[in-house]
Amino acid sequence: MVNVLITGGAGFLGVPTALALTQRGHVVSTLDMQTNDRLEAAGVTQHIGSVLDQDILAVAMGQAQPDTIIHAAAVVGVAASVNAIERSVEVNVRGSVALFEAALQAGVSRFIDISSEETYGDFTADPIGEDAWALPFTPYGITKYAVERLGNYYADQRGLAYVALRFSWVYGPDFPRARIPQNWIDAALAGTTSVEPHGSEQLIDFTYIDDVVAGLVKAVEAGSLAHRAYNMASGTKTSFAQVAQILKQECPGWDLQMGDGLLEVLPGMRSARKGALDIERARTEVGYQPGVSMEEGIHRTLQWCKQHRSN
């Protein structure tokens, strides 16, 4: 049994991770700006507040007495970071430093930082491994990379057992943002046409939520970890055209109009050129094994949306 504190624990990733760990007998607490009814029903202790609030953070750490921290609290996504650069730096970087310091004081034995494929910037290899050159060029990727470098400082100089898990375009039921494939699924169910001015050349390693949750559980329960960073994705690349084809098989009446080039995350701002993530390190050392194909993931998400979202 492990005592686990999850920051951002009431979010898209935090809730299913907290529930999965609880089901395996671990004692889970969360720290988030909001609460979640599913966590309450499962008996998860929820602390309301920000990692930037020293008083709330101290209370959460004191009550949770965590052996492991999963740090998922962040301003998430490229567009959100561009629209709020100062806030992104404050929450993502300063908030992480506050949590690093609190973890050291509490004697935490494992600090799991939720990072992103955005740290790589334009991929220099396909699939790309954890030791590839990192040149992030979006505020989100830059803040995530800064946190990783700070995490390595705290590991090397202060003795914090830090590890970063790099996820890539996680999707699935209850995804909270208008990002592919969710916005396309919503349009298909609403009977509207999706329009992407650019994107036909975009490749993404889409990862279904159940796979990354299973990977997180493995990381919590793993023995010693030899590396500071692990890719946790599907290990395969899927083009936007392939995603559209899969969705059209499920929703034949849906229509997509998509231009050439890479995706524009905001008008005039292209996405990084991406591909697949090399997941062999996580597979070998953590026991991570993704099992949900893109076809199955879209089908599950579509069925969930039909049951839970009104159009």
Protein backbone atom coordinates (compact mmCIF):
# COMPACT_ATOMS: atom_id res chain seq x y z
CA MET A 1 0.00 0.00 0.00
CA VAL A 2 1.26 3.45 -0.95
CA ASN A 3 0.04 6.87 0.15
CA VAL A 4 -0.40 8.91 -3.04
CA LEU A 5 -1.13 12.61 -3.47
CA ILE A 6 -2.31 13.66 -6.93
CA THR A 7 -2.21 17.33 -7.86
CA GLY A 8 -4.77 18.15 -10.51
CA GLY A 9 -6.54 15.13 -9.09
CA ALA A 10 -10.06 16.22 -10.09
CA GLY A 11 -9.09 16.52 -13.75
CA PHE A 12 -9.35 14.32 -16.83
CA LEU A 13 -6.25 12.32 -15.93
CA GLY A 14 -6.39 12.67 -12.16
CA VAL A 15 -9.84 11.20 -11.53
CA PRO A 16 -9.40 7.81 -13.26
CA THR A 17 -5.87 7.51 -11.86
CA ALA A 18 -7.09 8.16 -8.32
CA LEU A 19 -9.89 5.63 -8.74
CA ALA A 20 -7.56 3.00 -10.21
CA LEU A 21 -5.05 3.39 -7.38
CA THR A 22 -7.82 3.30 -4.78
CA GLN A 23 -9.19 0.09 -6.26
CA ARG A 24 -5.73 -1.44 -5.86
CA GLY A 25 -5.69 -0.65 -2.16
CA HIS A 26 -3.59 2.50 -2.14
CA VAL A 27 -4.55 5.51 -0.02
CA VAL A 28 -5.17 8.43 -2.37
CA SER A 29 -5.59 12.15 -1.74
CA THR A 30 -6.01 14.90 -4.31
CA LEU A 31 -5.25 18.61 -4.52
CA ASP A 32 -7.22 20.57 -7.11
CA MET A 33 -9.12 23.80 -7.57
CA GLN A 34 -12.34 21.77 -7.62
CA THR A 35 -13.78 18.53 -6.29
CA ASN A 36 -15.21 15.51 -8.08
CA ASP A 37 -18.28 13.47 -7.13
CA ARG A 38 -16.73 10.19 -8.29
CA LEU A 39 -13.76 10.73 -6.01
CA GLU A 40 -16.02 11.54 -3.09
CA ALA A 41 -18.01 8.36 -3.66
CA ALA A 42 -14.79 6.35 -3.69
CA GLY A 43 -13.64 7.82 -0.38
CA VAL A 44 -10.75 9.82 -1.81
CA THR A 45 -9.72 12.73 0.40
CA GLN A 46 -9.97 15.92 -1.67
CA HIS A 47 -8.16 19.15 -0.86
CA ILE A 48 -9.38 22.28 -2.63
CA GLY A 49 -6.79 24.82 -3.68
CA SER A 50 -3.72 25.58 -5.75
CA VAL A 51 -0.17 24.28 -5.48
CA LEU A 52 0.75 27.98 -5.38
CA ASP A 53 -1.04 28.39 -2.05
CA GLN A 54 1.55 27.52 0.56
CA ASP A 55 -0.99 27.12 3.37
CA ILE A 56 -3.24 24.74 1.43
CA LEU A 57 -0.25 22.82 0.11
CA ALA A 58 1.08 22.40 3.64
CA VAL A 59 -2.29 21.09 4.87
CA ALA A 60 -2.60 18.65 1.96
CA MET A 61 0.93 17.33 2.45
CA GLY A 62 0.50 17.09 6.20
CA GLN A 63 -2.74 15.14 6.01
CA ALA A 64 -1.84 12.95 3.04
CA GLN A 65 1.66 12.02 4.27
CA PRO A 66 2.41 10.89 0.72
CA ASP A 67 5.00 8.30 -0.21
CA THR A 68 4.40 9.22 -3.87
CA ILE A 69 3.29 12.41 -5.56
CA ILE A 70 1.73 12.46 -9.03
CA HIS A 71 2.00 16.03 -10.27
CA ALA A 72 -0.64 16.69 -12.92
CA ALA A 73 -1.69 20.23 -11.97
CA ALA A 74 -0.89 22.64 -14.81
CA VAL A 75 -2.14 25.09 -17.36
CA VAL A 76 -2.56 22.44 -20.04
CA GLY A 77 -2.28 22.73 -23.80
CA VAL A 78 -0.49 24.87 -26.35
CA ALA A 79 -3.37 27.26 -27.06
CA ALA A 80 -4.07 27.82 -23.36
CA SER A 81 -0.41 28.57 -22.70
CA VAL A 82 -0.16 31.05 -25.57
CA ASN A 83 -3.25 32.87 -24.35
CA ALA A 84 -1.94 33.03 -20.78
CA ILE A 85 1.86 32.90 -20.84
CA GLU A 86 2.44 34.53 -17.45
CA ARG A 87 -0.13 32.30 -15.78
CA SER A 88 1.36 29.23 -17.45
CA VAL A 89 4.83 30.05 -16.17
CA GLU A 90 3.48 30.79 -12.71
CA VAL A 91 1.42 27.61 -12.37
CA ASN A 92 3.54 25.18 -14.35
CA VAL A 93 7.00 26.28 -13.22
CA ARG A 94 6.61 28.10 -9.90
CA GLY A 95 3.91 25.68 -8.79
CA SER A 96 6.18 22.73 -9.53
CA VAL A 97 9.04 24.28 -7.56
CA ALA A 98 6.73 24.78 -4.58
CA LEU A 99 5.75 21.13 -4.80
CA PHE A 100 9.37 19.98 -5.15
CA GLU A 101 10.23 21.82 -1.94
CA ALA A 102 7.22 20.40 -0.12
CA ALA A 103 8.07 16.89 -1.32
CA LEU A 104 11.61 17.18 0.01
CA GLN A 105 10.39 18.33 3.39
CA ALA A 106 7.90 15.46 3.55
CA GLY A 107 10.45 12.81 2.58
CA VAL A 108 8.50 11.70 -0.50
CA SER A 109 10.04 8.56 -1.99
CA ARG A 110 8.85 9.08 -5.60
CA PHE A 111 7.84 12.24 -7.44
CA ILE A 112 6.06 11.50 -10.75
CA ASP A 113 5.83 14.54 -12.99
CA ILE A 114 3.29 14.48 -15.82
CA SER A 115 5.17 15.86 -18.79
CA SER A 116 4.48 16.03 -22.52
CA GLU A 117 5.74 15.23 -25.99
CA GLU A 118 5.72 19.00 -26.49
CA THR A 119 9.12 19.05 -24.75
CA TYR A 120 10.67 17.67 -27.96
CA GLY A 121 9.43 20.46 -30.22
CA ASP A 122 9.78 19.30 -33.83
CA PHE A 123 10.61 15.60 -33.62
CA THR A 124 14.18 14.83 -34.69
CA ALA A 125 13.42 11.10 -34.95
CA ASP A 126 10.39 8.89 -35.57
CA PRO A 127 9.85 7.18 -33.25
CA ILE A 128 11.50 9.58 -30.86
CA GLY A 129 13.28 8.37 -27.75
CA GLU A 130 13.65 10.03 -24.38
CA ASP A 131 17.27 11.08 -25.00
CA ALA A 132 16.52 12.94 -28.22
CA TRP A 133 17.39 16.63 -28.46
CA ALA A 134 14.65 18.78 -26.94
CA LEU A 135 13.83 22.12 -28.57
CA PRO A 136 10.31 23.07 -27.48
CA PHE A 137 9.00 26.25 -29.10
CA THR A 138 5.55 26.68 -27.54
CA PRO A 139 5.02 28.19 -24.08
CA TYR A 140 3.47 24.91 -22.92
CA GLY A 141 6.38 22.79 -24.13
CA ILE A 142 8.91 25.28 -22.76
CA THR A 143 7.34 25.27 -19.29
CA LYS A 144 7.13 21.49 -19.25
CA TYR A 145 10.77 21.19 -20.28
CA ALA A 146 11.76 23.77 -17.65
CA VAL A 147 10.01 21.69 -14.98
CA GLU A 148 11.86 18.57 -16.15
CA ARG A 149 15.21 20.34 -15.94
CA LEU A 150 14.34 21.68 -12.47
CA GLY A 151 13.22 18.21 -11.48
CA ASN A 152 16.62 16.87 -12.50
CA TYR A 153 18.28 19.58 -10.43
CA TYR A 154 16.25 18.58 -7.40
CA ALA A 155 17.17 14.94 -8.04
CA ASP A 156 20.89 15.53 -8.58
CA GLN A 157 21.51 18.22 -5.97
CA ARG A 158 18.77 17.74 -3.39
CA GLY A 159 18.06 14.01 -3.50
CA LEU A 160 14.45 14.08 -4.72
CA ALA A 161 13.39 10.84 -6.43
CA TYR A 162 12.08 12.57 -9.56
CA VAL A 163 10.77 10.97 -12.74
CA ALA A 164 8.95 12.51 -15.72
CA LEU A 165 6.34 10.62 -17.72
CA ARG A 166 5.89 12.10 -21.19
CA PHE A 167 2.37 11.59 -22.49
CA SER A 168 1.10 12.41 -25.97
CA TRP A 169 -2.39 13.63 -26.95
CA VAL A 170 -4.28 11.58 -24.40
CA TYR A 171 -7.98 11.27 -25.31
CA GLY A 172 -11.07 9.39 -24.24
CA PRO A 173 -14.35 9.74 -22.34
CA ASP A 174 -14.94 13.07 -20.59
CA PHE A 175 -12.05 14.85 -22.34
CA PRO A 176 -12.60 18.51 -21.40
CA ARG A 177 -11.14 20.43 -24.35
CA ALA A 178 -11.95 20.96 -28.03
CA ARG A 179 -9.03 18.98 -29.44
CA ILE A 180 -8.93 16.24 -32.06
CA PRO A 181 -10.46 13.67 -31.88
CA GLN A 182 -12.91 15.04 -29.28
CA ASN A 183 -14.04 18.09 -31.24
CA TRP A 184 -14.57 15.91 -34.32
CA ILE A 185 -16.59 13.40 -32.29
CA ASP A 186 -18.73 16.23 -30.91
CA ALA A 187 -19.32 17.56 -34.43
CA ALA A 188 -20.20 14.11 -35.75
CA LEU A 189 -22.78 13.60 -33.00
CA ALA A 190 -24.18 17.10 -33.57
CA GLY A 191 -24.44 16.55 -37.33
CA THR A 192 -22.12 19.47 -38.19
CA THR A 193 -19.15 19.71 -40.55
CA SER A 194 -15.66 19.94 -39.06
CA VAL A 195 -13.31 22.47 -40.64
CA GLU A 196 -9.53 22.39 -40.25
CA PRO A 197 -7.77 25.02 -42.39
CA HIS A 198 -4.57 22.95 -42.14
CA GLY A 199 -3.61 19.54 -40.85
CA SER A 200 -3.33 16.93 -43.60
CA GLU A 201 0.40 16.43 -42.86
CA GLN A 202 -0.01 16.20 -39.09
CA LEU A 203 0.99 12.94 -37.40
CA ILE A 204 0.24 12.35 -33.73
CA ASP A 205 0.84 9.56 -31.22
CA PHE A 206 -2.71 9.48 -29.82
CA THR A 207 -2.99 7.63 -26.51
CA TYR A 208 -6.19 6.34 -24.94
CA ILE A 209 -6.82 7.37 -21.34
CA ASP A 210 -7.04 3.81 -19.99
CA ASP A 211 -3.51 3.07 -21.23
CA VAL A 212 -1.88 6.06 -19.53
CA VAL A 213 -3.79 5.40 -16.30
CA ALA A 214 -2.52 1.82 -16.33
CA GLY A 215 0.97 3.18 -16.97
CA LEU A 216 0.71 5.56 -14.04
CA VAL A 217 -0.34 2.75 -11.74
CA LYS A 218 2.66 0.75 -12.94
CA ALA A 219 4.95 3.73 -12.24
CA VAL A 220 3.59 4.09 -8.70
CA GLU A 221 4.06 0.40 -7.97
CA ALA A 222 7.37 -0.12 -9.80
CA GLY A 223 10.59 -0.87 -7.99
CA SER A 224 13.61 1.35 -8.61
CA LEU A 225 13.51 3.32 -11.86
CA ALA A 226 16.81 3.74 -13.66
CA HIS A 227 15.90 6.76 -15.76
CA ARG A 228 14.50 10.24 -15.19
CA ALA A 229 12.12 10.26 -18.16
CA TYR A 230 9.82 7.72 -19.78
CA ASN A 231 7.65 8.07 -22.86
CA MET A 232 4.17 6.68 -22.21
CA ALA A 233 2.13 6.75 -25.40
CA SER A 234 0.78 4.27 -27.92
CA GLY A 235 4.10 3.90 -29.72
CA THR A 236 2.38 4.44 -33.06
CA LYS A 237 1.63 7.50 -35.19
CA THR A 238 -1.75 8.26 -36.72
CA SER A 239 -2.45 10.90 -39.34
CA PHE A 240 -5.43 13.20 -39.08
CA ALA A 241 -6.68 11.61 -42.30
CA GLN A 242 -6.62 8.19 -40.64
CA VAL A 243 -8.48 9.53 -37.60
CA ALA A 244 -11.11 11.00 -39.92
CA GLN A 245 -11.49 7.71 -41.76
CA ILE A 246 -12.02 5.82 -38.51
CA LEU A 247 -14.63 8.32 -37.32
CA LYS A 248 -16.44 8.29 -40.67
CA GLN A 249 -16.82 4.53 -40.37
CA GLU A 250 -18.59 5.10 -37.06
CA CYS A 251 -20.51 8.21 -38.23
CA PRO A 252 -20.96 8.04 -42.02
CA GLY A 253 -22.86 11.33 -42.13
CA TRP A 254 -20.04 13.37 -40.65
CA ASP A 255 -18.04 15.59 -43.01
CA LEU A 256 -14.55 17.06 -42.66
CA GLN A 257 -12.96 19.85 -44.65
CA MET A 258 -9.21 19.89 -44.04
CA GLY A 259 -6.42 21.82 -45.68
CA ASP A 260 -2.79 20.86 -46.20
CA GLY A 261 0.24 21.34 -43.96
CA LEU A 262 0.57 20.95 -40.22
CA LEU A 263 -2.22 21.70 -37.76
CA GLU A 264 -2.59 25.32 -36.69
CA VAL A 265 -3.06 25.34 -32.92
CA LEU A 266 -3.95 29.01 -33.23
CA PRO A 267 -4.30 31.11 -36.41
CA GLY A 268 -0.82 31.49 -37.86
CA MET A 269 0.84 29.21 -35.29
CA ARG A 270 1.68 25.73 -36.52
CA SER A 271 1.94 22.62 -34.43
CA ALA A 272 5.25 20.88 -33.98
CA ARG A 273 6.10 18.23 -36.57
CA LYS A 274 5.55 14.99 -34.70
CA GLY A 275 5.30 11.23 -35.06
CA ALA A 276 5.44 8.21 -32.76
CA LEU A 277 7.08 8.03 -29.34
CA ASP A 278 9.51 5.21 -28.60
CA ILE A 279 8.01 3.47 -25.56
CA GLU A 280 10.50 0.62 -25.19
CA ARG A 281 12.07 2.10 -22.04
CA ALA A 282 8.70 2.26 -20.27
CA ARG A 283 7.75 -1.16 -21.56
CA THR A 284 10.96 -2.75 -20.31
CA GLU A 285 11.51 -0.92 -17.01
CA VAL A 286 8.00 0.00 -15.87
CA GLY A 287 5.96 -2.79 -17.43
CA TYR A 288 3.91 -0.34 -19.48
CA GLN A 289 1.91 -1.99 -22.27
CA PRO A 290 -0.66 0.05 -24.21
CA GLY A 291 -3.53 -2.04 -25.47
CA VAL A 292 -6.22 0.22 -26.98
CA SER A 293 -6.03 0.83 -30.72
CA MET A 294 -7.14 4.11 -32.29
CA GLU A 295 -10.19 2.35 -33.72
CA GLU A 296 -11.21 0.97 -30.34
CA GLY A 297 -10.44 4.21 -28.54
CA ILE A 298 -12.62 6.29 -30.84
CA HIS A 299 -15.40 3.72 -30.61
CA ARG A 300 -15.33 3.75 -26.79
CA THR A 301 -15.23 7.55 -26.66
CA LEU A 302 -18.06 7.87 -29.15
CA GLN A 303 -20.25 5.46 -27.21
CA TRP A 304 -19.55 7.28 -23.95
CA CYS A 305 -20.43 10.62 -25.51
CA LYS A 306 -23.69 9.22 -26.87
CA GLN A 307 -24.67 8.16 -23.35
CA HIS A 308 -23.44 11.16 -21.39
CA ARG A 309 -23.54 14.23 -23.61
CA SER A 310 -26.68 15.80 -25.00
CA ASN A 311 -26.45 17.57 -28.34
